PDB file of N, CA and C in Angstrom:
ATOM      1  N   MET A   1      14.704 -11.689  24.964  1.00  0.00           N
ATOM      2  CA  MET A   1      13.859 -12.002  25.960  1.00  0.00           C
ATOM      3  C   MET A   1      14.127 -10.696  26.560  1.00  0.00           C
ATOM      4  N   LYS A   2      13.277 -10.258  27.596  1.00  0.00           N
ATOM      5  CA  LYS A   2      13.464  -9.303  28.682  1.00  0.00           C
ATOM      6  C   LYS A   2      13.705 -10.104  30.160  1.00  0.00           C
ATOM      7  N   THR A   3      14.674  -9.468  30.479  1.00  0.00           N
ATOM      8  CA  THR A   3      15.216 -10.010  31.570  1.00  0.00           C
ATOM      9  C   THR A   3      15.231  -8.827  32.845  1.00  0.00           C
ATOM     10  N   ILE A   4      14.793  -9.253  34.143  1.00  0.00           N
ATOM     11  CA  ILE A   4      14.852  -8.595  35.306  1.00  0.00           C
ATOM     12  C   ILE A   4      16.369  -9.195  35.809  1.00  0.00           C
ATOM     13  N   ILE A   5      17.316  -8.317  36.593  1.00  0.00           N
ATOM     14  CA  ILE A   5      18.038  -8.670  37.537  1.00  0.00           C
ATOM     15  C   ILE A   5      17.857  -8.373  38.587  1.00  0.00           C
ATOM     16  N   LEU A   6      17.891  -9.010  39.726  1.00  0.00           N
ATOM     17  CA  LEU A   6      17.765  -8.854  41.364  1.00  0.00           C
ATOM     18  C   LEU A   6      19.395  -9.209  41.769  1.00  0.00           C
ATOM     19  N   ASP A   7      19.412  -8.179  42.300  1.00  0.00           N
ATOM     20  CA  ASP A   7      20.890  -8.162  43.059  1.00  0.00           C
ATOM     21  C   ASP A   7      21.164  -7.819  44.090  1.00  0.00           C
ATOM     22  N   VAL A   8      22.074  -7.873  44.869  1.00  0.00           N
ATOM     23  CA  VAL A   8      22.501  -7.130  45.982  1.00  0.00           C
ATOM     24  C   VAL A   8      23.617  -6.420  46.175  1.00  0.00           C
ATOM     25  N   ARG A   9      23.483  -4.912  46.273  1.00  0.00           N
ATOM     26  CA  ARG A   9      24.401  -4.157  46.053  1.00  0.00           C
ATOM     27  C   ARG A   9      24.079  -2.845  46.882  1.00  0.00           C
ATOM     28  N   SER A  10      24.942  -2.050  47.537  1.00  0.00           N
ATOM     29  CA  SER A  10      24.826  -0.938  48.356  1.00  0.00           C
ATOM     30  C   SER A  10      24.062   0.214  47.745  1.00  0.00           C
ATOM     31  N   PRO A  11      23.196   0.897  48.116  1.00  0.00           N
ATOM     32  CA  PRO A  11      22.772   2.063  47.400  1.00  0.00           C
ATOM     33  C   PRO A  11      23.557   2.633  46.627  1.00  0.00           C
ATOM     34  N   ASP A  12      24.674   3.038  47.402  1.00  0.00           N
ATOM     35  CA  ASP A  12      26.166   4.067  46.625  1.00  0.00           C
ATOM     36  C   ASP A  12      26.577   3.240  45.113  1.00  0.00           C
ATOM     37  N   ALA A  13      26.405   1.632  45.429  1.00  0.00           N
ATOM     38  CA  ALA A  13      27.239   1.373  44.132  1.00  0.00           C
ATOM     39  C   ALA A  13      26.092   1.307  43.294  1.00  0.00           C
ATOM     40  N   SER A  14      25.235   1.526  43.250  1.00  0.00           N
ATOM     41  CA  SER A  14      23.580   1.278  42.200  1.00  0.00           C
ATOM     42  C   SER A  14      23.339   2.844  42.162  1.00  0.00           C
ATOM     43  N   MET A  15      23.750   4.040  42.570  1.00  0.00           N
ATOM     44  CA  MET A  15      23.411   4.930  42.125  1.00  0.00           C
ATOM     45  C   MET A  15      24.842   5.469  41.544  1.00  0.00           C
ATOM     46  N   GLY A  16      26.226   4.851  41.837  1.00  0.00           N
ATOM     47  CA  GLY A  16      26.969   5.226  41.011  1.00  0.00           C
ATOM     48  C   GLY A  16      27.147   4.492  39.601  1.00  0.00           C
ATOM     49  N   ASP A  17      26.379   3.103  39.296  1.00  0.00           N
ATOM     50  CA  ASP A  17      26.179   2.648  38.009  1.00  0.00           C
ATOM     51  C   ASP A  17      25.072   3.661  37.337  1.00  0.00           C
ATOM     52  N   PHE A  18      24.250   3.918  37.877  1.00  0.00           N
ATOM     53  CA  PHE A  18      23.079   4.938  37.260  1.00  0.00           C
ATOM     54  C   PHE A  18      23.860   6.244  36.633  1.00  0.00           C
ATOM     55  N   LEU A  19      24.768   6.895  37.533  1.00  0.00           N
ATOM     56  CA  LEU A  19      25.067   7.975  36.987  1.00  0.00           C
ATOM     57  C   LEU A  19      26.179   7.806  35.950  1.00  0.00           C
ATOM     58  N   GLN A  20      27.058   6.804  35.921  1.00  0.00           N
ATOM     59  CA  GLN A  20      28.006   6.268  35.074  1.00  0.00           C
ATOM     60  C   GLN A  20      27.440   5.745  33.618  1.00  0.00           C
ATOM     61  N   GLY A  21      26.385   5.411  33.738  1.00  0.00           N
ATOM     62  CA  GLY A  21      25.442   5.086  32.549  1.00  0.00           C
ATOM     63  C   GLY A  21      24.998   6.524  31.830  1.00  0.00           C
ATOM     64  N   TRP A  22      24.651   7.257  32.930  1.00  0.00           N
ATOM     65  CA  TRP A  22      23.813   8.216  32.554  1.00  0.00           C
ATOM     66  C   TRP A  22      24.671   9.612  31.762  1.00  0.00           C
ATOM     67  N   LYS A  23      26.161   9.571  32.158  1.00  0.00           N
ATOM     68  CA  LYS A  23      27.186  10.233  31.634  1.00  0.00           C
ATOM     69  C   LYS A  23      27.396   9.503  30.214  1.00  0.00           C
ATOM     70  N   THR A  24      27.774   8.558  30.242  1.00  0.00           N
ATOM     71  CA  THR A  24      28.176   8.255  28.914  1.00  0.00           C
ATOM     72  C   THR A  24      27.078   7.636  27.992  1.00  0.00           C
ATOM     73  N   GLY A  25      25.691   7.631  28.266  1.00  0.00           N
ATOM     74  CA  GLY A  25      24.823   7.373  27.654  1.00  0.00           C
ATOM     75  C   GLY A  25      24.514   5.887  27.033  1.00  0.00           C
ATOM     76  N   ALA A  26      24.976   4.975  28.103  1.00  0.00           N
ATOM     77  CA  ALA A  26      25.173   3.361  27.841  1.00  0.00           C
ATOM     78  C   ALA A  26      23.678   3.153  28.176  1.00  0.00           C
ATOM     79  N   ARG A  27      23.185   2.115  27.235  1.00  0.00           N
ATOM     80  CA  ARG A  27      22.013   1.640  27.164  1.00  0.00           C
ATOM     81  C   ARG A  27      21.920   0.547  28.555  1.00  0.00           C
ATOM     82  N   GLN A  28      21.037   0.370  29.174  1.00  0.00           N
ATOM     83  CA  GLN A  28      21.142  -0.870  29.981  1.00  0.00           C
ATOM     84  C   GLN A  28      20.269  -1.748  29.228  1.00  0.00           C
ATOM     85  N   THR A  29      20.810  -3.148  29.401  1.00  0.00           N
ATOM     86  CA  THR A  29      20.393  -4.558  28.578  1.00  0.00           C
ATOM     87  C   THR A  29      19.269  -4.900  29.342  1.00  0.00           C
ATOM     88  N   ALA A  30      19.146  -4.791  30.669  1.00  0.00           N
ATOM     89  CA  ALA A  30      18.251  -5.620  31.242  1.00  0.00           C
ATOM     90  C   ALA A  30      18.065  -4.358  32.743  1.00  0.00           C
ATOM     91  N   ALA A  31      16.473  -4.909  33.014  1.00  0.00           N
ATOM     92  CA  ALA A  31      16.208  -4.063  33.731  1.00  0.00           C
ATOM     93  C   ALA A  31      16.501  -4.842  35.437  1.00  0.00           C
ATOM     94  N   ARG A  32      16.743  -3.747  36.242  1.00  0.00           N
ATOM     95  CA  ARG A  32      17.666  -4.130  37.399  1.00  0.00           C
ATOM     96  C   ARG A  32      16.669  -3.532  38.531  1.00  0.00           C
ATOM     97  N   ILE A  33      16.841  -4.550  39.794  1.00  0.00           N
ATOM     98  CA  ILE A  33      16.266  -4.096  40.964  1.00  0.00           C
ATOM     99  C   ILE A  33      17.330  -4.340  41.826  1.00  0.00           C
ATOM    100  N   SER A  34      17.581  -3.600  42.867  1.00  0.00           N
ATOM    101  CA  SER A  34      18.773  -3.806  43.724  1.00  0.00           C
ATOM    102  C   SER A  34      18.506  -3.772  45.423  1.00  0.00           C
ATOM    103  N   PHE A  35      19.168  -4.602  45.804  1.00  0.00           N
ATOM    104  CA  PHE A  35      18.649  -4.877  47.306  1.00  0.00           C
ATOM    105  C   PHE A  35      19.948  -4.452  48.367  1.00  0.00           C
ATOM    106  N   ALA A  36      19.694  -3.871  49.429  1.00  0.00           N
ATOM    107  CA  ALA A  36      21.072  -3.268  50.233  1.00  0.00           C
ATOM    108  C   ALA A  36      21.668  -4.538  50.859  1.00  0.00           C
ATOM    109  N   THR A  37      20.795  -5.717  51.099  1.00  0.00           N
ATOM    110  CA  THR A  37      21.258  -6.767  52.176  1.00  0.00           C
ATOM    111  C   THR A  37      20.797  -8.224  51.483  1.00  0.00           C
ATOM    112  N   PRO A  38      21.322  -9.021  51.285  1.00  0.00           N
ATOM    113  CA  PRO A  38      20.740 -10.548  51.292  1.00  0.00           C
ATOM    114  C   PRO A  38      19.391 -10.716  51.942  1.00  0.00           C
ATOM    115  N   GLU A  39      19.189 -10.288  53.290  1.00  0.00           N
ATOM    116  CA  GLU A  39      18.335 -10.624  53.998  1.00  0.00           C
ATOM    117  C   GLU A  39      17.183  -9.630  53.495  1.00  0.00           C
ATOM    118  N   LEU A  40      17.515  -8.542  53.062  1.00  0.00           N
ATOM    119  CA  LEU A  40      16.472  -8.023  52.141  1.00  0.00           C
ATOM    120  C   LEU A  40      15.884  -8.361  51.161  1.00  0.00           C
ATOM    121  N   LEU A  41      16.471  -8.883  50.358  1.00  0.00           N
ATOM    122  CA  LEU A  41      16.061  -9.596  48.839  1.00  0.00           C
ATOM    123  C   LEU A  41      15.244 -10.650  49.519  1.00  0.00           C
ATOM    124  N   TRP A  42      15.804 -11.670  50.146  1.00  0.00           N
ATOM    125  CA  TRP A  42      14.726 -12.600  50.909  1.00  0.00           C
ATOM    126  C   TRP A  42      13.412 -12.420  51.687  1.00  0.00           C
ATOM    127  N   GLN A  43      13.563 -11.107  52.240  1.00  0.00           N
ATOM    128  CA  GLN A  43      12.112 -10.836  52.944  1.00  0.00           C
ATOM    129  C   GLN A  43      11.200 -10.329  51.710  1.00  0.00           C
ATOM    130  N   VAL A  44      12.164 -10.123  50.793  1.00  0.00           N
ATOM    131  CA  VAL A  44      10.895  -9.484  49.818  1.00  0.00           C
ATOM    132  C   VAL A  44      10.660 -10.683  48.653  1.00  0.00           C
ATOM    133  N   LEU A  45      11.808 -11.621  48.520  1.00  0.00           N
ATOM    134  CA  LEU A  45      11.426 -12.796  47.715  1.00  0.00           C
ATOM    135  C   LEU A  45      11.311 -14.138  48.387  1.00  0.00           C
ATOM    136  N   THR A  46      10.021 -14.171  49.072  1.00  0.00           N
ATOM    137  CA  THR A  46      10.140 -15.278  49.686  1.00  0.00           C
ATOM    138  C   THR A  46       9.974 -16.446  48.929  1.00  0.00           C
ATOM    139  N   ALA A  47       9.632 -17.632  49.421  1.00  0.00           N
ATOM    140  CA  ALA A  47       9.556 -18.913  48.821  1.00  0.00           C
ATOM    141  C   ALA A  47       8.091 -18.825  48.066  1.00  0.00           C
ATOM    142  N   LYS A  48       7.137 -18.127  48.700  1.00  0.00           N
ATOM    143  CA  LYS A  48       5.862 -18.510  48.264  1.00  0.00           C
ATOM    144  C   LYS A  48       5.687 -17.053  47.043  1.00  0.00           C
ATOM    145  N   ARG A  49       6.476 -16.053  46.975  1.00  0.00           N
ATOM    146  CA  ARG A  49       6.217 -15.039  46.047  1.00  0.00           C
ATOM    147  C   ARG A  49       7.185 -15.497  45.232  1.00  0.00           C
ATOM    148  N   TRP A  50       8.340 -16.225  44.970  1.00  0.00           N
ATOM    149  CA  TRP A  50       9.080 -16.963  44.149  1.00  0.00           C
ATOM    150  C   TRP A  50       8.255 -17.831  43.366  1.00  0.00           C
ATOM    151  N   GLU A  51       7.385 -18.538  43.839  1.00  0.00           N
ATOM    152  CA  GLU A  51       6.303 -19.510  43.465  1.00  0.00           C
ATOM    153  C   GLU A  51       5.575 -18.725  42.326  1.00  0.00           C
ATOM    154  N   LEU A  52       4.965 -17.645  43.077  1.00  0.00           N
ATOM    155  CA  LEU A  52       3.953 -17.050  42.026  1.00  0.00           C
ATOM    156  C   LEU A  52       4.730 -16.152  40.961  1.00  0.00           C
ATOM    157  N   LEU A  53       6.223 -15.613  41.041  1.00  0.00           N
ATOM    158  CA  LEU A  53       6.496 -15.229  40.001  1.00  0.00           C
ATOM    159  C   LEU A  53       6.654 -16.584  38.818  1.00  0.00           C
ATOM    160  N   LYS A  54       6.807 -17.639  39.231  1.00  0.00           N
ATOM    161  CA  LYS A  54       7.468 -18.485  38.205  1.00  0.00           C
ATOM    162  C   LYS A  54       5.789 -18.729  37.373  1.00  0.00           C
ATOM    163  N   VAL A  55       4.736 -18.818  38.308  1.00  0.00           N
ATOM    164  CA  VAL A  55       3.517 -19.262  37.250  1.00  0.00           C
ATOM    165  C   VAL A  55       3.195 -17.989  36.701  1.00  0.00           C
ATOM    166  N   LEU A  56       3.832 -16.957  37.072  1.00  0.00           N
ATOM    167  CA  LEU A  56       3.103 -15.658  36.003  1.00  0.00           C
ATOM    168  C   LEU A  56       4.350 -15.518  35.171  1.00  0.00           C
ATOM    169  N   CYS A  57       5.454 -15.991  35.004  1.00  0.00           N
ATOM    170  CA  CYS A  57       6.351 -15.653  34.092  1.00  0.00           C
ATOM    171  C   CYS A  57       5.579 -16.081  32.674  1.00  0.00           C
ATOM    172  N   GLY A  58       5.498 -15.350  31.648  1.00  0.00           N
ATOM    173  CA  GLY A  58       5.172 -15.582  30.341  1.00  0.00           C
ATOM    174  C   GLY A  58       3.519 -15.790  30.242  1.00  0.00           C
ATOM    175  N   ALA A  59       2.971 -15.541  31.387  1.00  0.00           N
ATOM    176  CA  ALA A  59       1.746 -15.751  31.200  1.00  0.00           C
ATOM    177  C   ALA A  59       0.788 -14.876  30.847  1.00  0.00           C
ATOM    178  N   GLY A  60       1.388 -13.631  30.750  1.00  0.00           N
ATOM    179  CA  GLY A  60       0.526 -12.184  30.243  1.00  0.00           C
ATOM    180  C   GLY A  60      -0.574 -11.855  31.480  1.00  0.00           C
ATOM    181  N   PRO A  61      -1.123 -11.170  31.491  1.00  0.00           N
ATOM    182  CA  PRO A  61      -2.032 -10.845  32.465  1.00  0.00           C
ATOM    183  C   PRO A  61      -3.287 -11.339  33.079  1.00  0.00           C
ATOM    184  N   VAL A  62      -3.217 -11.563  34.459  1.00  0.00           N
ATOM    185  CA  VAL A  62      -4.157 -12.167  35.007  1.00  0.00           C
ATOM    186  C   VAL A  62      -4.604 -11.760  36.212  1.00  0.00           C
ATOM    187  N   SER A  63      -5.634 -12.244  36.603  1.00  0.00           N
ATOM    188  CA  SER A  63      -6.494 -11.784  37.642  1.00  0.00           C
ATOM    189  C   SER A  63      -5.761 -12.482  38.585  1.00  0.00           C
ATOM    190  N   ILE A  64      -5.732 -11.649  40.017  1.00  0.00           N
ATOM    191  CA  ILE A  64      -5.607 -12.052  41.198  1.00  0.00           C
ATOM    192  C   ILE A  64      -5.795 -13.370  41.578  1.00  0.00           C
ATOM    193  N   ARG A  65      -7.116 -13.594  41.507  1.00  0.00           N
ATOM    194  CA  ARG A  65      -7.987 -14.906  41.474  1.00  0.00           C
ATOM    195  C   ARG A  65      -7.489 -15.983  41.028  1.00  0.00           C
ATOM    196  N   GLU A  66      -6.929 -15.592  39.878  1.00  0.00           N
ATOM    197  CA  GLU A  66      -6.691 -16.777  38.589  1.00  0.00           C
ATOM    198  C   GLU A  66      -4.962 -17.163  39.207  1.00  0.00           C
ATOM    199  N   ALA A  67      -4.250 -16.096  39.397  1.00  0.00           N
ATOM    200  CA  ALA A  67      -2.974 -16.262  39.843  1.00  0.00           C
ATOM    201  C   ALA A  67      -2.986 -16.927  41.330  1.00  0.00           C
ATOM    202  N   ALA A  68      -3.860 -17.057  42.364  1.00  0.00           N
ATOM    203  CA  ALA A  68      -3.993 -18.129  43.231  1.00  0.00           C
ATOM    204  C   ALA A  68      -4.557 -19.517  43.370  1.00  0.00           C
ATOM    205  N   ARG A  69      -5.016 -19.228  41.872  1.00  0.00           N
ATOM    206  CA  ARG A  69      -5.822 -20.658  41.766  1.00  0.00           C
ATOM    207  C   ARG A  69      -4.247 -21.158  41.158  1.00  0.00           C
ATOM    208  N   ARG A  70      -3.810 -20.972  40.351  1.00  0.00           N
ATOM    209  CA  ARG A  70      -2.554 -21.377  39.581  1.00  0.00           C
ATOM    210  C   ARG A  70      -1.528 -21.875  40.746  1.00  0.00           C
ATOM    211  N   VAL A  71      -1.278 -21.067  41.937  1.00  0.00           N
ATOM    212  CA  VAL A  71      -0.301 -21.766  42.648  1.00  0.00           C
ATOM    213  C   VAL A  71      -1.245 -22.256  44.021  1.00  0.00           C
ATOM    214  N   HIS A  72      -2.700 -22.679  43.714  1.00  0.00           N
ATOM    215  CA  HIS A  72      -3.604 -23.396  44.631  1.00  0.00           C
ATOM    216  C   HIS A  72      -3.094 -22.763  46.337  1.00  0.00           C
ATOM    217  N   ARG A  73      -3.418 -21.503  46.366  1.00  0.00           N
ATOM    218  CA  ARG A  73      -3.249 -20.777  47.561  1.00  0.00           C
ATOM    219  C   ARG A  73      -4.329 -19.824  47.885  1.00  0.00           C
ATOM    220  N   ASP A  74      -4.778 -19.719  48.938  1.00  0.00           N
ATOM    221  CA  ASP A  74      -5.624 -18.473  49.413  1.00  0.00           C
ATOM    222  C   ASP A  74      -5.738 -17.188  48.865  1.00  0.00           C
ATOM    223  N   ILE A  75      -6.745 -16.695  47.895  1.00  0.00           N
ATOM    224  CA  ILE A  75      -6.959 -15.567  47.472  1.00  0.00           C
ATOM    225  C   ILE A  75      -6.139 -14.249  48.207  1.00  0.00           C
ATOM    226  N   LYS A  76      -6.573 -14.387  49.691  1.00  0.00           N
ATOM    227  CA  LYS A  76      -6.183 -13.330  50.623  1.00  0.00           C
ATOM    228  C   LYS A  76      -4.611 -13.231  50.681  1.00  0.00           C
ATOM    229  N   ALA A  77      -3.986 -14.614  50.829  1.00  0.00           N
ATOM    230  CA  ALA A  77      -2.459 -14.602  51.146  1.00  0.00           C
ATOM    231  C   ALA A  77      -1.897 -14.339  49.511  1.00  0.00           C
ATOM    232  N   VAL A  78      -2.692 -14.519  48.464  1.00  0.00           N
ATOM    233  CA  VAL A  78      -2.039 -14.083  47.377  1.00  0.00           C
ATOM    234  C   VAL A  78      -1.918 -12.770  47.021  1.00  0.00           C
ATOM    235  N   HIS A  79      -2.887 -12.323  47.484  1.00  0.00           N
ATOM    236  CA  HIS A  79      -3.211 -10.639  47.405  1.00  0.00           C
ATOM    237  C   HIS A  79      -2.170  -9.934  47.913  1.00  0.00           C
ATOM    238  N   GLY A  80      -1.997 -10.599  49.466  1.00  0.00           N
ATOM    239  CA  GLY A  80      -0.812  -9.715  50.261  1.00  0.00           C
ATOM    240  C   GLY A  80       0.341  -9.907  49.509  1.00  0.00           C
ATOM    241  N   ASP A  81       0.799 -10.991  48.921  1.00  0.00           N
ATOM    242  CA  ASP A  81       2.160 -11.343  48.086  1.00  0.00           C
ATOM    243  C   ASP A  81       2.021 -10.206  46.940  1.00  0.00           C
ATOM    244  N   VAL A  82       1.198 -10.333  46.200  1.00  0.00           N
ATOM    245  CA  VAL A  82       1.017  -9.368  44.680  1.00  0.00           C
ATOM    246  C   VAL A  82       1.312  -7.849  45.283  1.00  0.00           C
ATOM    247  N   THR A  83       0.816  -7.535  46.425  1.00  0.00           N
ATOM    248  CA  THR A  83       0.584  -6.107  47.025  1.00  0.00           C
ATOM    249  C   THR A  83       2.407  -6.005  47.164  1.00  0.00           C
ATOM    250  N   ALA A  84       3.296  -7.103  47.790  1.00  0.00           N
ATOM    251  CA  ALA A  84       4.573  -6.772  48.135  1.00  0.00           C
ATOM    252  C   ALA A  84       5.146  -6.654  46.796  1.00  0.00           C
ATOM    253  N   LEU A  85       5.205  -7.537  45.836  1.00  0.00           N
ATOM    254  CA  LEU A  85       5.741  -7.610  44.435  1.00  0.00           C
ATOM    255  C   LEU A  85       5.420  -6.487  43.588  1.00  0.00           C
ATOM    256  N   LEU A  86       4.234  -5.802  43.994  1.00  0.00           N
ATOM    257  CA  LEU A  86       4.104  -4.318  43.127  1.00  0.00           C
ATOM    258  C   LEU A  86       5.104  -3.367  43.769  1.00  0.00           C
ATOM    259  N   ASN A  87       4.810  -3.333  44.973  1.00  0.00           N
ATOM    260  CA  ASN A  87       5.811  -2.248  45.711  1.00  0.00           C
ATOM    261  C   ASN A  87       7.278  -2.662  45.137  1.00  0.00           C
ATOM    262  N   ALA A  88       7.757  -3.733  45.364  1.00  0.00           N
ATOM    263  CA  ALA A  88       8.753  -3.767  44.746  1.00  0.00           C
ATOM    264  C   ALA A  88       9.331  -3.521  43.322  1.00  0.00           C
ATOM    265  N   GLY A  89       8.317  -3.593  42.780  1.00  0.00           N
ATOM    266  CA  GLY A  89       8.476  -3.295  41.058  1.00  0.00           C
ATOM    267  C   GLY A  89       8.655  -4.749  40.544  1.00  0.00           C
ATOM    268  N   LEU A  90       8.456  -5.604  41.057  1.00  0.00           N
ATOM    269  CA  LEU A  90       8.649  -6.861  40.247  1.00  0.00           C
ATOM    270  C   LEU A  90       7.228  -7.097  39.374  1.00  0.00           C
ATOM    271  N   LEU A  91       5.877  -6.743  39.932  1.00  0.00           N
ATOM    272  CA  LEU A  91       4.928  -6.913  38.970  1.00  0.00           C
ATOM    273  C   LEU A  91       4.401  -5.471  38.741  1.00  0.00           C
ATOM    274  N   ASP A  92       3.193  -5.395  37.965  1.00  0.00           N
ATOM    275  CA  ASP A  92       2.719  -4.426  37.352  1.00  0.00           C
ATOM    276  C   ASP A  92       1.403  -4.819  37.195  1.00  0.00           C
ATOM    277  N   ARG A  93       0.742  -3.840  37.218  1.00  0.00           N
ATOM    278  CA  ARG A  93      -0.851  -3.318  37.436  1.00  0.00           C
ATOM    279  C   ARG A  93      -1.161  -3.934  35.577  1.00  0.00           C
ATOM    280  N   ALA A  94      -2.158  -4.828  35.055  1.00  0.00           N
ATOM    281  CA  ALA A  94      -2.339  -4.869  33.829  1.00  0.00           C
ATOM    282  C   ALA A  94      -3.603  -3.971  33.586  1.00  0.00           C
ATOM    283  N   GLU A  95      -3.493  -3.433  32.032  1.00  0.00           N
ATOM    284  CA  GLU A  95      -4.728  -2.525  31.640  1.00  0.00           C
ATOM    285  C   GLU A  95      -5.767  -3.506  31.865  1.00  0.00           C
ATOM    286  N   GLY A  96      -7.139  -2.676  32.358  1.00  0.00           N
ATOM    287  CA  GLY A  96      -8.288  -3.377  32.610  1.00  0.00           C
ATOM    288  C   GLY A  96      -8.425  -4.276  33.678  1.00  0.00           C
ATOM    289  N   GLY A  97      -7.231  -4.131  34.766  1.00  0.00           N
ATOM    290  CA  GLY A  97      -7.087  -4.732  35.520  1.00  0.00           C
ATOM    291  C   GLY A  97      -6.390  -6.250  35.725  1.00  0.00           C
ATOM    292  N   GLY A  98      -6.268  -6.826  36.902  1.00  0.00           N
ATOM    293  CA  GLY A  98      -5.597  -7.511  37.067  1.00  0.00           C
ATOM    294  C   GLY A  98      -3.880  -7.206  37.094  1.00  0.00           C
ATOM    295  N   ILE A  99      -3.143  -8.361  37.266  1.00  0.00           N
ATOM    296  CA  ILE A  99      -1.591  -8.419  37.175  1.00  0.00           C
ATOM    297  C   ILE A  99      -0.882  -8.752  35.941  1.00  0.00           C
ATOM    298  N   VAL A 100       0.362  -8.343  35.821  1.00  0.00           N
ATOM    299  CA  VAL A 100       1.565  -8.941  34.809  1.00  0.00           C
ATOM    300  C   VAL A 100       2.823  -8.939  35.119  1.00  0.00           C
ATOM    301  N   PHE A 101       3.363  -9.829  35.154  1.00  0.00           N
ATOM    302  CA  PHE A 101       4.968 -10.091  35.292  1.00  0.00           C
ATOM    303  C   PHE A 101       5.394  -9.882  33.814  1.00  0.00           C
ATOM    304  N   PRO A 102       5.851  -8.750  33.982  1.00  0.00           N
ATOM    305  CA  PRO A 102       6.260  -8.266  32.528  1.00  0.00           C
ATOM    306  C   PRO A 102       7.771  -8.309  32.012  1.00  0.00           C
ATOM    307  N   TYR A 103       8.337  -9.471  32.349  1.00  0.00           N
ATOM    308  CA  TYR A 103       9.692 -10.312  32.048  1.00  0.00           C
ATOM    309  C   TYR A 103       9.696 -12.032  31.658  1.00  0.00           C
ATOM    310  N   ASP A 104      10.405 -11.840  30.859  1.00  0.00           N
ATOM    311  CA  ASP A 104      10.440 -13.541  30.320  1.00  0.00           C
ATOM    312  C   ASP A 104      11.442 -14.345  31.414  1.00  0.00           C
ATOM    313  N   ALA A 105      12.489 -13.575  32.021  1.00  0.00           N
ATOM    314  CA  ALA A 105      12.925 -14.305  32.915  1.00  0.00           C
ATOM    315  C   ALA A 105      13.648 -13.505  34.083  1.00  0.00           C
ATOM    316  N   VAL A 106      14.066 -14.256  35.127  1.00  0.00           N
ATOM    317  CA  VAL A 106      14.613 -13.702  36.273  1.00  0.00           C
ATOM    318  C   VAL A 106      16.202 -13.965  36.681  1.00  0.00           C
ATOM    319  N   LYS A 107      17.173 -13.256  36.749  1.00  0.00           N
ATOM    320  CA  LYS A 107      18.141 -13.348  37.276  1.00  0.00           C
ATOM    321  C   LYS A 107      18.818 -13.095  38.495  1.00  0.00           C
ATOM    322  N   VAL A 108      19.171 -13.716  39.506  1.00  0.00           N
ATOM    323  CA  VAL A 108      19.445 -13.395  40.644  1.00  0.00           C
ATOM    324  C   VAL A 108      21.148 -13.431  40.790  1.00  0.00           C
ATOM    325  N   GLU A 109      21.661 -12.217  41.781  1.00  0.00           N
ATOM    326  CA  GLU A 109      23.115 -12.189  41.936  1.00  0.00           C
ATOM    327  C   GLU A 109      23.322 -11.730  43.036  1.00  0.00           C
ATOM    328  N   PHE A 110      24.060 -12.490  43.558  1.00  0.00           N
ATOM    329  CA  PHE A 110      24.963 -11.606  45.084  1.00  0.00           C
ATOM    330  C   PHE A 110      25.880 -12.877  45.528  1.00  0.00           C
ATOM    331  N   LEU A 111      26.869 -12.320  46.261  1.00  0.00           N
ATOM    332  CA  LEU A 111      27.816 -13.074  46.543  1.00  0.00           C
ATOM    333  C   LEU A 111      28.068 -13.254  47.847  1.00  0.00           C
ATOM    334  N   LEU A 112      28.172 -14.414  48.233  1.00  0.00           N
ATOM    335  CA  LEU A 112      28.258 -14.624  49.749  1.00  0.00           C
ATOM    336  C   LEU A 112      29.813 -15.255  50.347  1.00  0.00           C
ATOM    337  N   GLN A 113      30.401 -13.932  51.048  1.00  0.00           N
ATOM    338  CA  GLN A 113      31.788 -14.247  51.150  1.00  0.00           C
ATOM    339  C   GLN A 113      32.177 -14.352  52.611  1.00  0.00           C
ATOM    340  N   ALA A 114      32.967 -15.035  53.254  1.00  0.00           N
ATOM    341  CA  ALA A 114      33.545 -15.035  54.318  1.00  0.00           C
ATOM    342  C   ALA A 114      33.453 -13.844  55.488  1.00  0.00           C
ATOM    343  N   ALA A 115      33.442 -13.877  56.355  1.00  0.00           N
ATOM    344  CA  ALA A 115      33.333 -12.479  57.389  1.00  0.00           C
ATOM    345  C   ALA A 115      34.831 -11.818  57.514  1.00  0.00           C
TER     346      ALA A 115
END
């Protein structure tokens, strides 16, 4: 199963993990996108975008029009969400047009601690 992990970590922690893996030659088991704060994660991953990812998960390549139909939303609004998800690295452009969510699962990791 191809999984994407979304997490909240500082850029320094993300770079430290990358460098450690590079030095040891350790293979990464899942793709990972890190956000500096929980607020940034939720700014990118809104409820509407999460719904869009859910319908695209395992669907293969689809047009933006088809994605909008599946979530029962306006094409223009879905286009804006698709652009944001493409920029964040969560969606890919499909060969021959359209978009694709190239993962079978999404895992979100973050810790809420007392101040």
